[in-house]
Amino acid sequence: MKLFNCHSHTLFSHDGKGTPEENCITAEKRGLIGFAVTDHLDTEYSADPSVFDGIEKSFYETKRCREKYKNRLIVACGVEIGEAVYDPAFAKRVIDSFSWDVILGSVHAVRIKNLDIPFSIIDFSSFTDEELHRYITQYFFDMNEMLDTQDFDILCHLTVVLRYIVYKYRKTIDISYYYPVITEILKKAIKRDIALEINTSGMAEGNLMPDRDILRLYKSLGGKRLTIGSDSHSPEHLTNGLSEGVKIIKAEGFDTLTYYLERKPAEYRI
């Protein structure tokens, strides 16, 4: 089965390694249909000129690879815009400046005073249950606003905040408590024909984002458009979890996945 990875990073992301071409070499060796380079653009850092410069370099290097590998791989030029609600004007500037194939929408930080930094670097170990609830509630609030106001094609790693709170700091969270807001988010994505990403970066730890219960909820609401992404940050991880993720997707009754070119969806059977 040949797959398209809609979510990968390179050295043009602050936490990435490897070049777009090294991703191409890996994709070809491992039999992908293709992949999208979707380097980070987190708008809370919009005042730093290197943020825009990095995305510009990512776009043009990926575009070069797209031409070089055009008869062998589908290479899509993408960007992952995080926290677009922090600086919508900057997000729009980035979208309008390049001819993107795909735009990923995500939340990596939430708007809580003194905690408005990436949650990957927050120490949640001393948070009370009330503080955790406030934080997760704000996370979904920001995601909800992103769906109301921002331009993107794929809703990324819906439950990624749990990667740190639950899997890193071993806090107990009943995610079903947040199903009302998650349902609202999924309904908005369906209405706007924004794809739901099945993110396999945590599959080795049994952490599919979102999990099977939320995938079932999405299906029950009429959701059909899915993408799959390894969220790799180095070439060797480009295909991590993809095969296992597809097995779960198929087991839940989905038989197609989507990728994007020129911001238009293309479906393929799995």
Foldseek 3Di string as FASTA:
>chain_A
DAAEAAAEEDVLAVLFHHALVLLVVLCLVVRHQAYEHAHEQECVVVVDVSSLVSLVVNQVRQVVVCVVCVVRHHYFYEYEYELCVVPVVSVVCSVVVDLGFFYEYEYQAFPDPPGRDGLVPDDCQPPDPVRVVVRVVRRLVSLLVCLVDHDGAEYPLQPVSCCCVCVVNNDDDDCVVCVVSLLVSLLSCVVVVRAYEFEQLCVVVPCTRVDLVSVLSSVVSVHAEYHYHPNYRYSVSGCHRVVVSVVSVVVSPHFWYWHTGSHDIDIDGD
